[in-house]
Amino acid sequence: SHPKKSKELSMSLSEARITLAELTKRLEEDLTHLMGDEIDDLQFELDAAKHSLKK
């Protein structure tokens, strides 16, 4: 029964690698989205500050 356990372990590890890769991709996408919003907010604030200085 040892070979069966080795095959099951190998399959489980492979599935874990795939799942971790998918989670990593999703986290990177989420962080990119969040940072994008912050960059947009910062640009808006900079534009408002520049406009105020021109007055």
PDB file of N, CA and C in Angstrom:
ATOM      1  N   SER A   1       0.819  -1.200   0.000  1.00  0.00           N
ATOM      2  CA  SER A   1       0.000   0.000   0.000  1.00  0.00           C
ATOM      3  C   SER A   1       0.862   1.264   0.000  1.00  0.00           C
ATOM      4  N   HIS A   2       2.132   1.145   0.164  1.00  0.00           N
ATOM      5  CA  HIS A   2       3.022   2.304   0.168  1.00  0.00           C
ATOM      6  C   HIS A   2       3.026   3.047  -1.174  1.00  0.00           C
ATOM      7  N   PRO A   3       3.084   2.370  -2.325  1.00  0.00           N
ATOM      8  CA  PRO A   3       3.046   3.100  -3.591  1.00  0.00           C
ATOM      9  C   PRO A   3       1.770   3.925  -3.770  1.00  0.00           C
ATOM     10  N   LYS A   4       0.647   3.401  -3.270  1.00  0.00           N
ATOM     11  CA  LYS A   4      -0.604   4.145  -3.383  1.00  0.00           C
ATOM     12  C   LYS A   4      -0.513   5.447  -2.594  1.00  0.00           C
ATOM     13  N   LYS A   5       0.056   5.375  -1.386  1.00  0.00           N
ATOM     14  CA  LYS A   5       0.206   6.577  -0.567  1.00  0.00           C
ATOM     15  C   LYS A   5       1.143   7.565  -1.250  1.00  0.00           C
ATOM     16  N   SER A   6       2.198   7.077  -1.855  1.00  0.00           N
ATOM     17  CA  SER A   6       3.134   7.964  -2.547  1.00  0.00           C
ATOM     18  C   SER A   6       2.444   8.660  -3.712  1.00  0.00           C
ATOM     19  N   LYS A   7       1.618   7.917  -4.441  1.00  0.00           N
ATOM     20  CA  LYS A   7       0.897   8.511  -5.570  1.00  0.00           C
ATOM     21  C   LYS A   7      -0.110   9.538  -5.059  1.00  0.00           C
ATOM     22  N   GLU A   8      -0.816   9.213  -3.984  1.00  0.00           N
ATOM     23  CA  GLU A   8      -1.777  10.157  -3.405  1.00  0.00           C
ATOM     24  C   GLU A   8      -1.072  11.408  -2.886  1.00  0.00           C
ATOM     25  N   LEU A   9       0.066  11.206  -2.250  1.00  0.00           N
ATOM     26  CA  LEU A   9       0.825  12.338  -1.738  1.00  0.00           C
ATOM     27  C   LEU A   9       1.295  13.219  -2.898  1.00  0.00           C
ATOM     28  N   SER A  10       1.784  12.604  -3.938  1.00  0.00           N
ATOM     29  CA  SER A  10       2.244  13.341  -5.109  1.00  0.00           C
ATOM     30  C   SER A  10       1.097  14.138  -5.732  1.00  0.00           C
ATOM     31  N   MET A  11      -0.051  13.523  -5.856  1.00  0.00           N
ATOM     32  CA  MET A  11      -1.212  14.213  -6.424  1.00  0.00           C
ATOM     33  C   MET A  11      -1.656  15.371  -5.525  1.00  0.00           C
ATOM     34  N   SER A  12      -1.636  15.137  -4.219  1.00  0.00           N
ATOM     35  CA  SER A  12      -2.022  16.187  -3.278  1.00  0.00           C
ATOM     36  C   SER A  12      -1.056  17.365  -3.344  1.00  0.00           C
ATOM     37  N   LEU A  13       0.231  17.072  -3.422  1.00  0.00           N
ATOM     38  CA  LEU A  13       1.223  18.138  -3.510  1.00  0.00           C
ATOM     39  C   LEU A  13       1.082  18.915  -4.814  1.00  0.00           C
ATOM     40  N   SER A  14       0.802  18.213  -5.881  1.00  0.00           N
ATOM     41  CA  SER A  14       0.598  18.863  -7.173  1.00  0.00           C
ATOM     42  C   SER A  14      -0.616  19.778  -7.119  1.00  0.00           C
ATOM     43  N   GLU A  15      -1.683  19.300  -6.532  1.00  0.00           N
ATOM     44  CA  GLU A  15      -2.896  20.110  -6.397  1.00  0.00           C
ATOM     45  C   GLU A  15      -2.637  21.325  -5.509  1.00  0.00           C
ATOM     46  N   ALA A  16      -1.858  21.145  -4.461  1.00  0.00           N
ATOM     47  CA  ALA A  16      -1.521  22.255  -3.569  1.00  0.00           C
ATOM     48  C   ALA A  16      -0.706  23.309  -4.319  1.00  0.00           C
ATOM     49  N   ARG A  17       0.245  22.880  -5.148  1.00  0.00           N
ATOM     50  CA  ARG A  17       1.043  23.823  -5.933  1.00  0.00           C
ATOM     51  C   ARG A  17       0.153  24.634  -6.880  1.00  0.00           C
ATOM     52  N   ILE A  18      -0.757  23.967  -7.547  1.00  0.00           N
ATOM     53  CA  ILE A  18      -1.665  24.647  -8.472  1.00  0.00           C
ATOM     54  C   ILE A  18      -2.541  25.648  -7.725  1.00  0.00           C
ATOM     55  N   THR A  19      -3.071  25.217  -6.594  1.00  0.00           N
ATOM     56  CA  THR A  19      -3.929  26.093  -5.794  1.00  0.00           C
ATOM     57  C   THR A  19      -3.158  27.309  -5.303  1.00  0.00           C
ATOM     58  N   LEU A  20      -1.936  27.102  -4.827  1.00  0.00           N
ATOM     59  CA  LEU A  20      -1.116  28.223  -4.360  1.00  0.00           C
ATOM     60  C   LEU A  20      -0.781  29.182  -5.502  1.00  0.00           C
ATOM     61  N   ALA A  21      -0.512  28.650  -6.657  1.00  0.00           N
ATOM     62  CA  ALA A  21      -0.231  29.498  -7.817  1.00  0.00           C
ATOM     63  C   ALA A  21      -1.454  30.340  -8.176  1.00  0.00           C
ATOM     64  N   GLU A  22      -2.635  29.732  -8.129  1.00  0.00           N
ATOM     65  CA  GLU A  22      -3.869  30.469  -8.422  1.00  0.00           C
ATOM     66  C   GLU A  22      -4.126  31.541  -7.368  1.00  0.00           C
ATOM     67  N   LEU A  23      -3.892  31.221  -6.105  1.00  0.00           N
ATOM     68  CA  LEU A  23      -4.079  32.200  -5.031  1.00  0.00           C
ATOM     69  C   LEU A  23      -3.093  33.356  -5.172  1.00  0.00           C
ATOM     70  N   THR A  24      -1.859  33.041  -5.521  1.00  0.00           N
ATOM     71  CA  THR A  24      -0.841  34.068  -5.720  1.00  0.00           C
ATOM     72  C   THR A  24      -1.255  35.014  -6.835  1.00  0.00           C
ATOM     73  N   LYS A  25      -1.732  34.449  -7.927  1.00  0.00           N
ATOM     74  CA  LYS A  25      -2.179  35.272  -9.059  1.00  0.00           C
ATOM     75  C   LYS A  25      -3.332  36.168  -8.633  1.00  0.00           C
ATOM     76  N   ARG A  26      -4.291  35.616  -7.911  1.00  0.00           N
ATOM     77  CA  ARG A  26      -5.449  36.398  -7.464  1.00  0.00           C
ATOM     78  C   ARG A  26      -5.011  37.521  -6.521  1.00  0.00           C
ATOM     79  N   LEU A  27      -4.092  37.241  -5.602  1.00  0.00           N
ATOM     80  CA  LEU A  27      -3.610  38.273  -4.680  1.00  0.00           C
ATOM     81  C   LEU A  27      -2.887  39.385  -5.428  1.00  0.00           C
ATOM     82  N   GLU A  28      -2.082  39.009  -6.409  1.00  0.00           N
ATOM     83  CA  GLU A  28      -1.376  40.013  -7.198  1.00  0.00           C
ATOM     84  C   GLU A  28      -2.368  40.897  -7.949  1.00  0.00           C
ATOM     85  N   GLU A  29      -3.408  40.294  -8.498  1.00  0.00           N
ATOM     86  CA  GLU A  29      -4.434  41.071  -9.205  1.00  0.00           C
ATOM     87  C   GLU A  29      -5.153  42.011  -8.247  1.00  0.00           C
ATOM     88  N   ASP A  30      -5.487  41.506  -7.060  1.00  0.00           N
ATOM     89  CA  ASP A  30      -6.176  42.341  -6.066  1.00  0.00           C
ATOM     90  C   ASP A  30      -5.299  43.513  -5.625  1.00  0.00           C
ATOM     91  N   LEU A  31      -4.017  43.239  -5.372  1.00  0.00           N
ATOM     92  CA  LEU A  31      -3.105  44.308  -4.955  1.00  0.00           C
ATOM     93  C   LEU A  31      -2.923  45.341  -6.057  1.00  0.00           C
ATOM     94  N   THR A  32      -2.824  44.887  -7.287  1.00  0.00           N
ATOM     95  CA  THR A  32      -2.701  45.806  -8.410  1.00  0.00           C
ATOM     96  C   THR A  32      -3.932  46.695  -8.496  1.00  0.00           C
ATOM     97  N   HIS A  33      -5.102  46.101  -8.318  1.00  0.00           N
ATOM     98  CA  HIS A  33      -6.349  46.867  -8.346  1.00  0.00           C
ATOM     99  C   HIS A  33      -6.379  47.898  -7.213  1.00  0.00           C
ATOM    100  N   LEU A  34      -6.000  47.479  -6.012  1.00  0.00           N
ATOM    101  CA  LEU A  34      -6.010  48.396  -4.865  1.00  0.00           C
ATOM    102  C   LEU A  34      -5.015  49.530  -5.050  1.00  0.00           C
ATOM    103  N   MET A  35      -3.841  49.199  -5.500  1.00  0.00           N
ATOM    104  CA  MET A  35      -2.823  50.227  -5.698  1.00  0.00           C
ATOM    105  C   MET A  35      -3.243  51.176  -6.820  1.00  0.00           C
ATOM    106  N   GLY A  36      -3.913  50.646  -7.819  1.00  0.00           N
ATOM    107  CA  GLY A  36      -4.394  51.487  -8.907  1.00  0.00           C
ATOM    108  C   GLY A  36      -5.338  52.556  -8.402  1.00  0.00           C
ATOM    109  N   ASP A  37      -6.221  52.187  -7.496  1.00  0.00           N
ATOM    110  CA  ASP A  37      -7.147  53.154  -6.905  1.00  0.00           C
ATOM    111  C   ASP A  37      -6.395  54.218  -6.120  1.00  0.00           C
ATOM    112  N   GLU A  38      -5.381  53.816  -5.373  1.00  0.00           N
ATOM    113  CA  GLU A  38      -4.608  54.767  -4.586  1.00  0.00           C
ATOM    114  C   GLU A  38      -3.829  55.714  -5.492  1.00  0.00           C
ATOM    115  N   ILE A  39      -3.304  55.187  -6.579  1.00  0.00           N
ATOM    116  CA  ILE A  39      -2.564  56.031  -7.515  1.00  0.00           C
ATOM    117  C   ILE A  39      -3.504  57.049  -8.150  1.00  0.00           C
ATOM    118  N   ASP A  40      -4.715  56.612  -8.506  1.00  0.00           N
ATOM    119  CA  ASP A  40      -5.709  57.541  -9.064  1.00  0.00           C
ATOM    120  C   ASP A  40      -6.060  58.625  -8.048  1.00  0.00           C
ATOM    121  N   ASP A  41      -6.230  58.242  -6.784  1.00  0.00           N
ATOM    122  CA  ASP A  41      -6.552  59.219  -5.736  1.00  0.00           C
ATOM    123  C   ASP A  41      -5.413  60.214  -5.554  1.00  0.00           C
ATOM    124  N   LEU A  42      -4.187  59.720  -5.552  1.00  0.00           N
ATOM    125  CA  LEU A  42      -3.023  60.588  -5.388  1.00  0.00           C
ATOM    126  C   LEU A  42      -2.931  61.572  -6.552  1.00  0.00           C
ATOM    127  N   GLN A  43      -3.144  61.098  -7.763  1.00  0.00           N
ATOM    128  CA  GLN A  43      -3.092  61.981  -8.931  1.00  0.00           C
ATOM    129  C   GLN A  43      -4.154  63.068  -8.839  1.00  0.00           C
ATOM    130  N   PHE A  44      -5.364  62.701  -8.396  1.00  0.00           N
ATOM    131  CA  PHE A  44      -6.433  63.686  -8.230  1.00  0.00           C
ATOM    132  C   PHE A  44      -6.023  64.749  -7.208  1.00  0.00           C
ATOM    133  N   GLU A  45      -5.451  64.318  -6.083  1.00  0.00           N
ATOM    134  CA  GLU A  45      -5.025  65.257  -5.049  1.00  0.00           C
ATOM    135  C   GLU A  45      -3.907  66.165  -5.546  1.00  0.00           C
ATOM    136  N   LEU A  46      -2.986  65.618  -6.316  1.00  0.00           N
ATOM    137  CA  LEU A  46      -1.913  66.436  -6.877  1.00  0.00           C
ATOM    138  C   LEU A  46      -2.463  67.469  -7.845  1.00  0.00           C
ATOM    139  N   ASP A  47      -3.397  67.052  -8.683  1.00  0.00           N
ATOM    140  CA  ASP A  47      -4.015  67.993  -9.625  1.00  0.00           C
ATOM    141  C   ASP A  47      -4.744  69.109  -8.880  1.00  0.00           C
ATOM    142  N   ALA A  48      -5.461  68.750  -7.813  1.00  0.00           N
ATOM    143  CA  ALA A  48      -6.179  69.755  -7.023  1.00  0.00           C
ATOM    144  C   ALA A  48      -5.196  70.720  -6.360  1.00  0.00           C
ATOM    145  N   ALA A  49      -4.097  70.203  -5.843  1.00  0.00           N
ATOM    146  CA  ALA A  49      -3.100  71.060  -5.201  1.00  0.00           C
ATOM    147  C   ALA A  49      -2.466  72.010  -6.225  1.00  0.00           C
ATOM    148  N   LYS A  50      -2.147  71.505  -7.406  1.00  0.00           N
ATOM    149  CA  LYS A  50      -1.559  72.357  -8.455  1.00  0.00           C
ATOM    150  C   LYS A  50      -2.550  73.445  -8.856  1.00  0.00           C
ATOM    151  N   HIS A  51      -3.812  73.093  -8.952  1.00  0.00           N
ATOM    152  CA  HIS A  51      -4.845  74.059  -9.315  1.00  0.00           C
ATOM    153  C   HIS A  51      -4.942  75.152  -8.241  1.00  0.00           C
ATOM    154  N   SER A  52      -4.851  74.755  -6.985  1.00  0.00           N
ATOM    155  CA  SER A  52      -4.933  75.719  -5.882  1.00  0.00           C
ATOM    156  C   SER A  52      -3.739  76.683  -5.918  1.00  0.00           C
ATOM    157  N   LEU A  53      -2.577  76.179  -6.267  1.00  0.00           N
ATOM    158  CA  LEU A  53      -1.386  77.030  -6.311  1.00  0.00           C
ATOM    159  C   LEU A  53      -1.463  78.060  -7.433  1.00  0.00           C
ATOM    160  N   LYS A  54      -2.171  77.734  -8.503  1.00  0.00           N
ATOM    161  CA  LYS A  54      -2.288  78.658  -9.637  1.00  0.00           C
ATOM    162  C   LYS A  54      -3.188  79.853  -9.342  1.00  0.00           C
ATOM    163  N   LYS A  55      -4.077  79.723  -8.327  1.00  0.00           N
ATOM    164  CA  LYS A  55      -5.009  80.793  -8.005  1.00  0.00           C
ATOM    165  C   LYS A  55      -4.347  81.931  -7.291  1.00  0.00           C
TER     166      LYS A  55
END
